[in-house]
């Protein structure tokens, strides 16, 4: 279902030109679920302690500054 939705959106937007720049992207709920499920699966203490996880990052940052996760797109 997720792939079908993505394909439908891609087909509908075909031929539209976009200039390079910064764009806000709103993901379908199922896509967010899929992405966050990988994050939850990675929350294993042992791999973080052994330095095999992005949770063991020395900078203390999990994502780049331009990535933000919000549950309500109307909030900033």
N, C-alpha and C. Protein backbone atom coordinates (compact mmCIF):
# COMPACT_ATOMS: atom_id res chain seq x y z
N UNK A 1 0.82 -1.19 0.00
CA UNK A 1 0.00 0.00 0.00
C UNK A 1 0.87 1.26 0.00
N UNK A 2 1.92 1.25 0.81
CA UNK A 2 2.81 2.40 0.88
C UNK A 2 3.47 2.67 -0.47
N UNK A 3 3.93 1.62 -1.11
CA UNK A 3 4.57 1.78 -2.43
C UNK A 3 3.56 2.28 -3.45
N UNK A 4 2.34 1.79 -3.41
CA UNK A 4 1.31 2.21 -4.35
C UNK A 4 1.02 3.71 -4.20
N UNK A 5 0.94 4.18 -2.95
CA UNK A 5 0.71 5.60 -2.69
C UNK A 5 1.85 6.44 -3.24
N UNK A 6 3.08 6.00 -3.01
CA UNK A 6 4.25 6.74 -3.49
C UNK A 6 4.28 6.78 -5.02
N UNK A 7 3.97 5.66 -5.65
CA UNK A 7 3.97 5.61 -7.11
C UNK A 7 2.89 6.53 -7.67
N UNK A 8 1.71 6.51 -7.05
CA UNK A 8 0.62 7.38 -7.51
C UNK A 8 1.02 8.85 -7.43
N UNK A 9 1.63 9.24 -6.33
CA UNK A 9 2.06 10.63 -6.19
C UNK A 9 3.15 10.99 -7.21
N UNK A 10 4.05 10.06 -7.46
CA UNK A 10 5.12 10.32 -8.43
C UNK A 10 4.56 10.48 -9.83
N UNK A 11 3.60 9.63 -10.18
CA UNK A 11 2.99 9.72 -11.51
C UNK A 11 2.23 11.04 -11.67
N UNK A 12 1.49 11.44 -10.63
CA UNK A 12 0.73 12.69 -10.71
C UNK A 12 1.63 13.91 -10.79
N UNK A 13 2.83 13.83 -10.25
CA UNK A 13 3.72 15.00 -10.27
C UNK A 13 4.71 14.97 -11.43
N UNK A 14 4.65 13.96 -12.26
CA UNK A 14 5.58 13.84 -13.39
C UNK A 14 5.42 15.05 -14.31
N UNK A 15 6.53 15.55 -14.79
CA UNK A 15 6.51 16.66 -15.72
C UNK A 15 6.55 18.03 -15.06
N UNK A 16 6.36 18.09 -13.75
CA UNK A 16 6.45 19.37 -13.05
C UNK A 16 7.92 19.65 -12.76
N UNK A 17 8.34 20.85 -13.07
CA UNK A 17 9.74 21.18 -12.81
C UNK A 17 9.86 21.80 -11.42
N UNK A 18 10.93 21.49 -10.77
CA UNK A 18 11.23 22.02 -9.43
C UNK A 18 12.63 22.62 -9.46
N UNK A 19 12.75 23.79 -8.91
CA UNK A 19 14.08 24.37 -8.78
C UNK A 19 14.74 23.79 -7.54
N UNK A 20 16.05 23.82 -7.53
CA UNK A 20 16.76 23.32 -6.37
C UNK A 20 16.52 24.25 -5.19
N UNK A 21 16.55 23.71 -4.02
CA UNK A 21 16.33 24.53 -2.83
C UNK A 21 15.83 23.69 -1.67
N UNK A 22 15.36 24.36 -0.67
CA UNK A 22 14.89 23.71 0.55
C UNK A 22 13.38 23.53 0.45
N UNK A 23 12.92 22.32 0.68
CA UNK A 23 11.49 22.02 0.62
C UNK A 23 11.07 21.28 1.89
N UNK A 24 9.88 21.59 2.38
CA UNK A 24 9.30 20.85 3.49
C UNK A 24 8.64 19.60 2.92
N UNK A 25 8.91 18.47 3.54
CA UNK A 25 8.35 17.20 3.09
C UNK A 25 7.44 16.66 4.18
N UNK A 26 6.21 16.34 3.81
CA UNK A 26 5.27 15.73 4.75
C UNK A 26 5.08 14.28 4.31
N UNK A 27 5.43 13.37 5.20
CA UNK A 27 5.35 11.95 4.87
C UNK A 27 3.99 11.37 5.25
N UNK A 28 3.58 10.36 4.52
CA UNK A 28 2.37 9.63 4.85
C UNK A 28 2.58 8.95 6.22
N UNK A 29 1.50 8.78 6.99
CA UNK A 29 1.64 8.13 8.31
C UNK A 29 2.32 6.77 8.24
N UNK A 30 2.01 5.98 7.24
CA UNK A 30 2.63 4.66 7.12
C UNK A 30 4.13 4.77 6.87
N UNK A 31 4.55 5.77 6.11
CA UNK A 31 5.97 5.97 5.85
C UNK A 31 6.70 6.36 7.14
N UNK A 32 6.08 7.22 7.94
CA UNK A 32 6.68 7.61 9.22
C UNK A 32 6.81 6.39 10.12
N UNK A 33 5.75 5.57 10.15
CA UNK A 33 5.80 4.34 10.95
C UNK A 33 6.97 3.45 10.53
N UNK A 34 7.12 3.26 9.23
CA UNK A 34 8.20 2.41 8.72
C UNK A 34 9.57 2.95 9.13
N UNK A 35 9.77 4.26 8.97
CA UNK A 35 11.05 4.86 9.33
C UNK A 35 11.33 4.78 10.83
N UNK A 36 10.31 5.09 11.63
CA UNK A 36 10.51 5.06 13.08
C UNK A 36 10.66 3.65 13.62
N UNK A 37 10.11 2.67 12.93
CA UNK A 37 10.29 1.29 13.39
C UNK A 37 11.77 0.89 13.32
N UNK A 38 12.48 1.39 12.30
CA UNK A 38 13.92 1.14 12.23
C UNK A 38 14.64 1.80 13.40
N UNK A 39 14.21 2.99 13.77
CA UNK A 39 14.82 3.70 14.88
C UNK A 39 14.60 2.94 16.19
N UNK A 40 13.38 2.49 16.41
CA UNK A 40 13.08 1.74 17.64
C UNK A 40 13.87 0.45 17.69
N UNK A 41 13.98 -0.24 16.57
CA UNK A 41 14.75 -1.50 16.52
C UNK A 41 16.22 -1.26 16.84
N UNK A 42 16.72 -0.06 16.54
CA UNK A 42 18.13 0.24 16.78
C UNK A 42 18.42 0.62 18.23
N UNK A 43 17.38 0.75 19.03
CA UNK A 43 17.56 1.16 20.43
C UNK A 43 17.94 -0.04 21.30
N UNK A 44 19.13 -0.52 21.08
CA UNK A 44 19.63 -1.65 21.85
C UNK A 44 20.83 -1.17 22.66
N UNK A 45 20.76 -1.31 23.95
CA UNK A 45 21.80 -0.80 24.85
C UNK A 45 23.17 -1.41 24.56
N UNK A 46 23.22 -2.70 24.31
CA UNK A 46 24.51 -3.36 24.13
C UNK A 46 25.28 -2.79 22.94
N UNK A 47 24.62 -2.63 21.80
CA UNK A 47 25.32 -2.10 20.63
C UNK A 47 25.76 -0.66 20.84
N UNK A 48 24.98 0.11 21.60
CA UNK A 48 25.38 1.48 21.92
C UNK A 48 26.60 1.48 22.82
N UNK A 49 26.61 0.61 23.83
CA UNK A 49 27.75 0.51 24.74
C UNK A 49 29.02 0.08 24.01
N UNK A 50 28.86 -0.76 23.01
CA UNK A 50 30.01 -1.27 22.26
C UNK A 50 30.42 -0.35 21.11
N UNK A 51 29.71 0.76 20.94
CA UNK A 51 30.05 1.72 19.89
C UNK A 51 29.60 1.30 18.50
N UNK A 52 28.67 0.36 18.39
CA UNK A 52 28.20 -0.13 17.10
C UNK A 52 26.88 0.50 16.70
N UNK A 53 26.47 1.54 17.35
CA UNK A 53 25.17 2.16 17.09
C UNK A 53 25.33 3.66 16.91
N UNK A 54 24.41 4.26 16.17
CA UNK A 54 24.46 5.71 16.06
C UNK A 54 24.08 6.38 17.37
N UNK A 55 23.55 5.61 18.32
CA UNK A 55 23.27 6.15 19.65
C UNK A 55 24.55 6.36 20.45
N UNK A 56 25.65 5.82 19.99
CA UNK A 56 26.92 6.02 20.68
C UNK A 56 27.73 7.15 20.04
N UNK A 57 27.07 8.01 19.31
CA UNK A 57 27.71 9.15 18.66
C UNK A 57 28.37 10.06 19.70
N UNK A 58 29.58 10.48 19.43
CA UNK A 58 30.30 11.36 20.35
C UNK A 58 29.69 12.77 20.39
N UNK A 59 29.06 13.17 19.30
CA UNK A 59 28.49 14.52 19.25
C UNK A 59 27.18 14.61 20.03
N UNK A 60 26.57 13.47 20.32
CA UNK A 60 25.30 13.47 21.03
C UNK A 60 24.12 13.78 20.13
N UNK A 61 24.37 13.87 18.82
CA UNK A 61 23.30 14.19 17.86
C UNK A 61 22.96 12.93 17.07
N UNK A 62 21.68 12.68 16.93
CA UNK A 62 21.25 11.52 16.15
C UNK A 62 21.00 11.87 14.69
N UNK A 63 20.58 13.11 14.42
CA UNK A 63 20.22 13.52 13.08
C UNK A 63 20.94 14.82 12.73
N UNK A 64 21.01 15.10 11.46
CA UNK A 64 21.57 16.37 11.00
C UNK A 64 20.65 17.50 11.45
N UNK A 65 21.18 18.70 11.49
CA UNK A 65 20.41 19.86 11.95
C UNK A 65 19.16 20.13 11.10
N UNK A 66 19.21 19.73 9.83
CA UNK A 66 18.07 20.02 8.96
C UNK A 66 16.95 18.98 9.07
N UNK A 67 17.10 17.96 9.92
CA UNK A 67 16.08 16.93 10.09
C UNK A 67 15.30 17.22 11.36
N UNK A 68 13.98 17.27 11.26
CA UNK A 68 13.15 17.43 12.46
C UNK A 68 11.96 16.50 12.33
N UNK A 69 11.54 15.94 13.44
CA UNK A 69 10.37 15.07 13.49
C UNK A 69 9.30 15.76 14.29
N UNK A 70 8.13 15.93 13.69
CA UNK A 70 7.02 16.58 14.36
C UNK A 70 5.77 15.76 14.16
N UNK A 71 4.95 15.68 15.19
CA UNK A 71 3.71 14.93 15.05
C UNK A 71 2.57 15.82 14.57
N UNK A 72 2.75 17.14 14.63
CA UNK A 72 1.74 18.07 14.17
C UNK A 72 2.41 19.09 13.26
N UNK A 73 2.15 19.03 11.97
CA UNK A 73 2.83 19.95 11.05
C UNK A 73 2.47 21.41 11.25
N UNK A 74 1.42 21.72 12.01
CA UNK A 74 1.06 23.12 12.21
C UNK A 74 1.91 23.78 13.31
N UNK A 75 2.67 22.97 14.05
CA UNK A 75 3.55 23.53 15.08
C UNK A 75 4.96 23.71 14.52
N UNK A 76 5.67 24.64 15.06
CA UNK A 76 7.05 24.88 14.60
C UNK A 76 7.95 24.67 15.73
